[in-house]
Amino acid sequence: MKSIFYNRKLMITIFAVLIVICTLFALVPLAFSIFSGAGVKTEPVNPDGAKAASEDINGEWHVTKGDPKNFSSVGFTIHEILPAEDTVTSGSTTDVDGTVTVSDNTLRDADVTVNMDALTTDKKVRDQNMKSKLLETDKYPEATFRVTKPVDLAAVPDDGSMGQVDITGELTVKDQTKPVTETFDVLRDGDHLVVGGDVHFSRDDFGIETPDMIAAKIDQDGAINVRLNLEK
């Protein structure tokens, strides 16, 4: 009799272990899918169909929503390593505000503010981890960029083709400010001025620590993707 009960208990234990193993095999791909995916990227400036400039480049310009082809957006792109996948992940937001001042064909002043709490990828769980563990948006809801050196815009084409300029400024994320210099695309499209490019960064520079997650390992270096559509 004891042998029967023992065998029954052994069988129940074996089945329980098998159920747990099967459950783990089912959950692991799910966990990977929660954190993986290409995300939502801020794309480069699109010059297709751009019109010749109809507005003087000098004056005060303001960040606007833009149009479907070149809407204002700021985000990030970073390399993410998962046990089952090696991928590049992006997040972005259209909640961007800013002002640019140009005089004598020279960019004199520019201030841009990004609502970090509005950043989204293509995964809700990843969004929550990004905001709470990486960027701590409850403490640091905004990131800013301020131009610190005049930029000559005289060579920027006015025929609807794209030009490039080097812009130097200060990037502030999580209350940490660092100097940056990057090359940006500039497009004069009718009465719009569109500026876009990538600002490369190291997470250490801004105190962005790797979150305590099982599935993902995040690269040290990444890029902030910028596309601003401005009007007077």
C-alpha atoms as a PDB file:
ATOM      1  CA  MET A   1       0.000   0.000   0.000  1.00  0.00           C
ATOM      2  CA  LYS A   2       2.836   2.361   0.934  1.00  0.00           C
ATOM      3  CA  SER A   3       4.458   1.537  -2.386  1.00  0.00           C
ATOM      4  CA  ILE A   4       1.326   2.591  -4.252  1.00  0.00           C
ATOM      5  CA  PHE A   5       1.103   5.880  -2.394  1.00  0.00           C
ATOM      6  CA  TYR A   6       4.819   6.476  -2.906  1.00  0.00           C
ATOM      7  CA  ASN A   7       4.562   5.847  -6.636  1.00  0.00           C
ATOM      8  CA  ARG A   8       1.524   8.097  -6.866  1.00  0.00           C
ATOM      9  CA  LYS A   9       3.321  10.915  -5.055  1.00  0.00           C
ATOM     10  CA  LEU A  10       6.362  10.431  -7.273  1.00  0.00           C
ATOM     11  CA  MET A  11       4.213  10.623 -10.410  1.00  0.00           C
ATOM     12  CA  ILE A  12       2.487  13.778  -9.150  1.00  0.00           C
ATOM     13  CA  THR A  13       5.879  15.358  -8.444  1.00  0.00           C
ATOM     14  CA  ILE A  14       7.175  14.435 -11.896  1.00  0.00           C
ATOM     15  CA  PHE A  15       4.076  15.878 -13.572  1.00  0.00           C
ATOM     16  CA  ALA A  16       4.392  19.073 -11.494  1.00  0.00           C
ATOM     17  CA  VAL A  17       8.021  19.486 -12.547  1.00  0.00           C
ATOM     18  CA  LEU A  18       7.105  18.901 -16.189  1.00  0.00           C
ATOM     19  CA  ILE A  19       4.347  21.502 -15.979  1.00  0.00           C
ATOM     20  CA  VAL A  20       6.780  24.056 -14.510  1.00  0.00           C
ATOM     21  CA  ILE A  21       9.353  23.322 -17.246  1.00  0.00           C
ATOM     22  CA  CYS A  22       6.734  23.641 -19.987  1.00  0.00           C
ATOM     23  CA  THR A  23       5.515  26.898 -18.469  1.00  0.00           C
ATOM     24  CA  LEU A  24       9.056  28.279 -18.434  1.00  0.00           C
ATOM     25  CA  PHE A  25       9.558  27.346 -22.073  1.00  0.00           C
ATOM     26  CA  ALA A  26       6.334  29.186 -22.880  1.00  0.00           C
ATOM     27  CA  LEU A  27       7.192  32.281 -20.827  1.00  0.00           C
ATOM     28  CA  VAL A  28      10.781  32.779 -21.996  1.00  0.00           C
ATOM     29  CA  PRO A  29       9.820  33.664 -25.608  1.00  0.00           C
ATOM     30  CA  LEU A  30       7.097  35.899 -24.183  1.00  0.00           C
ATOM     31  CA  ALA A  31       9.640  37.707 -22.004  1.00  0.00           C
ATOM     32  CA  PHE A  32      11.913  38.175 -25.020  1.00  0.00           C
ATOM     33  CA  SER A  33       9.023  39.573 -27.079  1.00  0.00           C
ATOM     34  CA  ILE A  34       8.179  42.054 -24.319  1.00  0.00           C
ATOM     35  CA  PHE A  35      11.623  43.654 -24.471  1.00  0.00           C
ATOM     36  CA  SER A  36      12.557  43.066 -28.112  1.00  0.00           C
ATOM     37  CA  GLY A  37      11.452  44.899 -31.246  1.00  0.00           C
ATOM     38  CA  ALA A  38      12.733  47.753 -33.364  1.00  0.00           C
ATOM     39  CA  GLY A  39      10.766  50.397 -31.463  1.00  0.00           C
ATOM     40  CA  VAL A  40       9.659  53.776 -32.830  1.00  0.00           C
ATOM     41  CA  LYS A  41      12.473  55.784 -34.409  1.00  0.00           C
ATOM     42  CA  THR A  42      12.767  59.491 -35.200  1.00  0.00           C
ATOM     43  CA  GLU A  43      13.675  59.355 -38.887  1.00  0.00           C
ATOM     44  CA  PRO A  44      16.113  61.678 -40.720  1.00  0.00           C
ATOM     45  CA  VAL A  45      14.958  64.756 -42.615  1.00  0.00           C
ATOM     46  CA  ASN A  46      13.124  63.785 -45.804  1.00  0.00           C
ATOM     47  CA  PRO A  47      13.882  66.209 -48.691  1.00  0.00           C
ATOM     48  CA  ASP A  48      11.522  64.530 -51.189  1.00  0.00           C
ATOM     49  CA  GLY A  49       9.127  67.034 -52.739  1.00  0.00           C
ATOM     50  CA  ALA A  50      10.609  70.003 -50.873  1.00  0.00           C
ATOM     51  CA  LYS A  51       9.812  73.438 -52.342  1.00  0.00           C
ATOM     52  CA  ALA A  52      12.110  76.414 -52.788  1.00  0.00           C
ATOM     53  CA  ALA A  53      12.306  78.632 -49.710  1.00  0.00           C
ATOM     54  CA  SER A  54       9.559  81.244 -49.523  1.00  0.00           C
ATOM     55  CA  GLU A  55      10.502  82.664 -46.121  1.00  0.00           C
ATOM     56  CA  ASP A  56      13.553  84.708 -45.129  1.00  0.00           C
ATOM     57  CA  ILE A  57      15.847  82.539 -43.043  1.00  0.00           C
ATOM     58  CA  ASN A  58      16.412  85.423 -40.635  1.00  0.00           C
ATOM     59  CA  GLY A  59      13.986  85.854 -37.762  1.00  0.00           C
ATOM     60  CA  GLU A  60      12.547  83.848 -34.901  1.00  0.00           C
ATOM     61  CA  TRP A  61      11.475  80.280 -35.639  1.00  0.00           C
ATOM     62  CA  HIS A  62       9.344  78.014 -33.470  1.00  0.00           C
ATOM     63  CA  VAL A  63       9.155  74.223 -33.308  1.00  0.00           C
ATOM     64  CA  THR A  64       5.800  73.061 -34.726  1.00  0.00           C
ATOM     65  CA  LYS A  65       4.147  69.695 -35.282  1.00  0.00           C
ATOM     66  CA  GLY A  66       5.211  69.849 -38.924  1.00  0.00           C
ATOM     67  CA  ASP A  67       3.737  67.617 -41.622  1.00  0.00           C
ATOM     68  CA  PRO A  68       3.509  63.842 -42.133  1.00  0.00           C
ATOM     69  CA  LYS A  69       6.730  63.835 -44.152  1.00  0.00           C
ATOM     70  CA  ASN A  70       8.811  65.827 -41.664  1.00  0.00           C
ATOM     71  CA  PHE A  71       6.982  66.040 -38.340  1.00  0.00           C
ATOM     72  CA  SER A  72       8.890  67.206 -35.278  1.00  0.00           C
ATOM     73  CA  SER A  73      10.215  64.311 -33.232  1.00  0.00           C
ATOM     74  CA  VAL A  74      13.049  63.532 -30.814  1.00  0.00           C
ATOM     75  CA  GLY A  75      14.066  60.090 -29.608  1.00  0.00           C
ATOM     76  CA  PHE A  76      16.870  57.636 -28.989  1.00  0.00           C
ATOM     77  CA  THR A  77      18.442  54.598 -30.633  1.00  0.00           C
ATOM     78  CA  ILE A  78      20.501  52.085 -28.684  1.00  0.00           C
ATOM     79  CA  HIS A  79      21.870  48.579 -29.165  1.00  0.00           C
ATOM     80  CA  GLU A  80      20.099  45.959 -27.041  1.00  0.00           C
ATOM     81  CA  ILE A  81      21.333  42.401 -26.427  1.00  0.00           C
ATOM     82  CA  LEU A  82      18.865  39.672 -25.497  1.00  0.00           C
ATOM     83  CA  PRO A  83      19.531  35.958 -24.947  1.00  0.00           C
ATOM     84  CA  ALA A  84      17.593  35.153 -28.105  1.00  0.00           C
ATOM     85  CA  GLU A  85      18.132  38.330 -30.116  1.00  0.00           C
ATOM     86  CA  ASP A  86      20.667  41.042 -30.897  1.00  0.00           C
ATOM     87  CA  THR A  87      18.790  44.168 -31.941  1.00  0.00           C
ATOM     88  CA  VAL A  88      18.705  47.951 -32.186  1.00  0.00           C
ATOM     89  CA  THR A  89      15.897  49.607 -30.261  1.00  0.00           C
ATOM     90  CA  SER A  90      14.433  53.097 -30.655  1.00  0.00           C
ATOM     91  CA  GLY A  91      11.960  55.292 -28.811  1.00  0.00           C
ATOM     92  CA  SER A  92      10.614  58.740 -29.659  1.00  0.00           C
ATOM     93  CA  THR A  93       8.171  61.519 -28.858  1.00  0.00           C
ATOM     94  CA  THR A  94       6.523  64.348 -30.765  1.00  0.00           C
ATOM     95  CA  ASP A  95       6.133  66.365 -27.551  1.00  0.00           C
ATOM     96  CA  VAL A  96       8.888  68.854 -28.378  1.00  0.00           C
ATOM     97  CA  ASP A  97       9.051  72.613 -27.904  1.00  0.00           C
ATOM     98  CA  GLY A  98      11.645  75.179 -28.852  1.00  0.00           C
ATOM     99  CA  THR A  99      12.717  78.480 -30.400  1.00  0.00           C
ATOM    100  CA  VAL A 100      15.504  79.293 -32.875  1.00  0.00           C
ATOM    101  CA  THR A 101      16.775  82.799 -33.601  1.00  0.00           C
ATOM    102  CA  VAL A 102      18.608  83.632 -36.841  1.00  0.00           C
ATOM    103  CA  SER A 103      20.087  87.018 -37.788  1.00  0.00           C
ATOM    104  CA  ASP A 104      22.543  87.986 -40.531  1.00  0.00           C
ATOM    105  CA  ASN A 105      22.197  84.408 -41.849  1.00  0.00           C
ATOM    106  CA  THR A 106      23.660  83.119 -38.579  1.00  0.00           C
ATOM    107  CA  LEU A 107      22.020  80.893 -35.988  1.00  0.00           C
ATOM    108  CA  ARG A 108      22.425  82.968 -32.824  1.00  0.00           C
ATOM    109  CA  ASP A 109      20.286  81.204 -30.287  1.00  0.00           C
ATOM    110  CA  ALA A 110      18.324  77.976 -29.970  1.00  0.00           C
ATOM    111  CA  ASP A 111      16.605  76.250 -27.067  1.00  0.00           C
ATOM    112  CA  VAL A 112      14.775  72.930 -27.401  1.00  0.00           C
ATOM    113  CA  THR A 113      12.867  71.077 -24.669  1.00  0.00           C
ATOM    114  CA  VAL A 114      11.713  67.447 -24.861  1.00  0.00           C
ATOM    115  CA  ASN A 115       9.050  65.842 -22.663  1.00  0.00           C
ATOM    116  CA  MET A 116      10.879  62.667 -21.630  1.00  0.00           C
ATOM    117  CA  ASP A 117       7.783  61.179 -20.013  1.00  0.00           C
ATOM    118  CA  ALA A 118       6.129  61.115 -23.454  1.00  0.00           C
ATOM    119  CA  LEU A 119       8.792  58.831 -24.997  1.00  0.00           C
ATOM    120  CA  THR A 120       7.393  55.591 -26.394  1.00  0.00           C
ATOM    121  CA  THR A 121       8.769  52.469 -28.076  1.00  0.00           C
ATOM    122  CA  ASP A 122       6.624  49.635 -29.431  1.00  0.00           C
ATOM    123  CA  LYS A 123       6.430  47.757 -26.103  1.00  0.00           C
ATOM    124  CA  LYS A 124       4.459  49.007 -23.098  1.00  0.00           C
ATOM    125  CA  VAL A 125       6.517  47.058 -20.553  1.00  0.00           C
ATOM    126  CA  ARG A 126       9.752  48.380 -22.074  1.00  0.00           C
ATOM    127  CA  ASP A 127       8.325  51.917 -21.916  1.00  0.00           C
ATOM    128  CA  GLN A 128       7.679  51.508 -18.203  1.00  0.00           C
ATOM    129  CA  ASN A 129      11.202  50.193 -17.541  1.00  0.00           C
ATOM    130  CA  MET A 130      12.752  52.899 -19.707  1.00  0.00           C
ATOM    131  CA  LYS A 131      10.973  55.694 -17.834  1.00  0.00           C
ATOM    132  CA  SER A 132      11.194  54.326 -14.298  1.00  0.00           C
ATOM    133  CA  LYS A 133      14.625  52.638 -14.316  1.00  0.00           C
ATOM    134  CA  LEU A 134      16.667  54.265 -17.084  1.00  0.00           C
ATOM    135  CA  LEU A 135      15.486  57.851 -17.410  1.00  0.00           C
ATOM    136  CA  GLU A 136      13.637  58.288 -14.093  1.00  0.00           C
ATOM    137  CA  THR A 137      11.167  60.641 -15.719  1.00  0.00           C
ATOM    138  CA  ASP A 138       9.308  61.188 -12.453  1.00  0.00           C
ATOM    139  CA  LYS A 139      12.418  63.052 -11.223  1.00  0.00           C
ATOM    140  CA  TYR A 140      13.691  64.348 -14.572  1.00  0.00           C
ATOM    141  CA  PRO A 141      10.683  64.944 -16.856  1.00  0.00           C
ATOM    142  CA  GLU A 142      12.523  67.112 -19.409  1.00  0.00           C
ATOM    143  CA  ALA A 143      15.678  67.064 -21.496  1.00  0.00           C
ATOM    144  CA  THR A 144      17.034  70.211 -23.139  1.00  0.00           C
ATOM    145  CA  PHE A 145      19.455  71.324 -25.821  1.00  0.00           C
ATOM    146  CA  ARG A 146      20.879  74.854 -26.049  1.00  0.00           C
ATOM    147  CA  VAL A 147      23.125  76.198 -28.830  1.00  0.00           C
ATOM    148  CA  THR A 148      26.296  77.771 -27.420  1.00  0.00           C
ATOM    149  CA  LYS A 149      28.158  78.805 -30.584  1.00  0.00           C
ATOM    150  CA  PRO A 150      26.939  80.840 -33.596  1.00  0.00           C
ATOM    151  CA  VAL A 151      26.329  78.774 -36.745  1.00  0.00           C
ATOM    152  CA  ASP A 152      26.771  80.206 -40.252  1.00  0.00           C
ATOM    153  CA  LEU A 153      23.701  79.334 -42.339  1.00  0.00           C
ATOM    154  CA  ALA A 154      24.642  81.353 -45.441  1.00  0.00           C
ATOM    155  CA  ALA A 155      25.514  78.227 -47.442  1.00  0.00           C
ATOM    156  CA  VAL A 156      22.223  76.446 -46.707  1.00  0.00           C
ATOM    157  CA  PRO A 157      20.442  76.040 -50.098  1.00  0.00           C
ATOM    158  CA  ASP A 158      17.183  77.905 -50.713  1.00  0.00           C
ATOM    159  CA  ASP A 159      16.098  75.749 -53.684  1.00  0.00           C
ATOM    160  CA  GLY A 160      14.549  72.878 -51.698  1.00  0.00           C
ATOM    161  CA  SER A 161      17.739  70.830 -51.516  1.00  0.00           C
ATOM    162  CA  MET A 162      19.414  69.882 -48.257  1.00  0.00           C
ATOM    163  CA  GLY A 163      22.502  71.393 -46.667  1.00  0.00           C
ATOM    164  CA  GLN A 164      24.573  70.519 -43.616  1.00  0.00           C
ATOM    165  CA  VAL A 165      25.968  72.532 -40.724  1.00  0.00           C
ATOM    166  CA  ASP A 166      27.914  71.744 -37.550  1.00  0.00           C
ATOM    167  CA  ILE A 167      26.054  72.756 -34.397  1.00  0.00           C
ATOM    168  CA  THR A 168      27.670  73.065 -30.967  1.00  0.00           C
ATOM    169  CA  GLY A 169      25.624  73.201 -27.816  1.00  0.00           C
ATOM    170  CA  GLU A 170      24.837  71.808 -24.383  1.00  0.00           C
ATOM    171  CA  LEU A 171      22.713  68.704 -23.928  1.00  0.00           C
ATOM    172  CA  THR A 172      21.035  68.205 -20.555  1.00  0.00           C
ATOM    173  CA  VAL A 173      19.558  64.838 -19.557  1.00  0.00           C
ATOM    174  CA  LYS A 174      18.730  63.859 -15.943  1.00  0.00           C
ATOM    175  CA  ASP A 175      20.136  67.232 -14.804  1.00  0.00           C
ATOM    176  CA  GLN A 176      23.548  66.320 -16.259  1.00  0.00           C
ATOM    177  CA  THR A 177      24.831  68.811 -18.865  1.00  0.00           C
ATOM    178  CA  LYS A 178      27.466  67.922 -21.459  1.00  0.00           C
ATOM    179  CA  PRO A 179      28.896  69.840 -24.462  1.00  0.00           C
ATOM    180  CA  VAL A 180      28.194  68.293 -27.863  1.00  0.00           C
ATOM    181  CA  THR A 181      29.055  69.072 -31.478  1.00  0.00           C
ATOM    182  CA  GLU A 182      27.336  67.233 -34.319  1.00  0.00           C
ATOM    183  CA  THR A 183      26.583  67.646 -38.023  1.00  0.00           C
ATOM    184  CA  PHE A 184      22.927  68.368 -38.783  1.00  0.00           C
ATOM    185  CA  ASP A 185      20.913  68.346 -41.999  1.00  0.00           C
ATOM    186  CA  VAL A 186      19.104  71.622 -42.754  1.00  0.00           C
ATOM    187  CA  LEU A 187      16.249  71.913 -45.260  1.00  0.00           C
ATOM    188  CA  ARG A 188      14.456  75.107 -46.300  1.00  0.00           C
ATOM    189  CA  ASP A 189      11.079  73.911 -47.559  1.00  0.00           C
ATOM    190  CA  GLY A 190       8.686  76.720 -48.494  1.00  0.00           C
ATOM    191  CA  ASP A 191       7.976  78.601 -45.254  1.00  0.00           C
ATOM    192  CA  HIS A 192       9.404  75.765 -43.132  1.00  0.00           C
ATOM    193  CA  LEU A 193      12.895  75.226 -41.760  1.00  0.00           C
ATOM    194  CA  VAL A 194      13.637  71.558 -40.998  1.00  0.00           C
ATOM    195  CA  VAL A 195      16.663  70.492 -38.960  1.00  0.00           C
ATOM    196  CA  GLY A 196      17.667  66.924 -38.167  1.00  0.00           C
ATOM    197  CA  GLY A 197      20.549  64.723 -37.072  1.00  0.00           C
ATOM    198  CA  ASP A 198      21.942  62.400 -34.431  1.00  0.00           C
ATOM    199  CA  VAL A 199      23.635  63.371 -31.172  1.00  0.00           C
ATOM    200  CA  HIS A 200      25.849  60.549 -29.940  1.00  0.00           C
ATOM    201  CA  PHE A 201      26.086  59.941 -26.215  1.00  0.00           C
ATOM    202  CA  SER A 202      27.406  57.649 -23.500  1.00  0.00           C
ATOM    203  CA  ARG A 203      25.009  56.561 -20.765  1.00  0.00           C
ATOM    204  CA  ASP A 204      27.683  57.296 -18.133  1.00  0.00           C
ATOM    205  CA  ASP A 205      27.700  60.974 -19.121  1.00  0.00           C
ATOM    206  CA  PHE A 206      24.109  61.342 -17.966  1.00  0.00           C
ATOM    207  CA  GLY A 207      23.925  58.861 -15.115  1.00  0.00           C
ATOM    208  CA  ILE A 208      21.741  56.429 -17.069  1.00  0.00           C
ATOM    209  CA  GLU A 209      22.359  53.135 -15.316  1.00  0.00           C
ATOM    210  CA  THR A 210      21.523  49.691 -16.654  1.00  0.00           C
ATOM    211  CA  PRO A 211      18.159  48.619 -15.224  1.00  0.00           C
ATOM    212  CA  ASP A 212      17.865  45.452 -13.174  1.00  0.00           C
ATOM    213  CA  MET A 213      16.226  43.358 -15.897  1.00  0.00           C
ATOM    214  CA  ILE A 214      16.728  39.677 -16.674  1.00  0.00           C
ATOM    215  CA  ALA A 215      16.171  39.762 -20.409  1.00  0.00           C
ATOM    216  CA  ALA A 216      18.059  42.781 -21.755  1.00  0.00           C
ATOM    217  CA  LYS A 217      21.620  44.084 -21.740  1.00  0.00           C
ATOM    218  CA  ILE A 218      21.969  47.633 -23.030  1.00  0.00           C
ATOM    219  CA  ASP A 219      24.995  49.120 -24.794  1.00  0.00           C
ATOM    220  CA  GLN A 220      26.944  51.932 -23.190  1.00  0.00           C
ATOM    221  CA  ASP A 221      26.717  54.214 -26.238  1.00  0.00           C
ATOM    222  CA  GLY A 222      23.698  55.339 -28.214  1.00  0.00           C
ATOM    223  CA  ALA A 223      22.286  58.220 -30.252  1.00  0.00           C
ATOM    224  CA  ILE A 224      19.655  60.870 -29.697  1.00  0.00           C
ATOM    225  CA  ASN A 225      17.706  61.265 -32.947  1.00  0.00           C
ATOM    226  CA  VAL A 226      16.422  64.756 -33.731  1.00  0.00           C
ATOM    227  CA  ARG A 227      14.081  66.150 -36.376  1.00  0.00           C
ATOM    228  CA  LEU A 228      12.589  69.603 -35.859  1.00  0.00           C
ATOM    229  CA  ASN A 229      10.112  71.317 -38.177  1.00  0.00           C
ATOM    230  CA  LEU A 230      10.119  75.070 -37.555  1.00  0.00           C
ATOM    231  CA  GLU A 231       7.905  77.937 -38.683  1.00  0.00           C
ATOM    232  CA  LYS A 232       7.826  81.649 -37.914  1.00  0.00           C
END
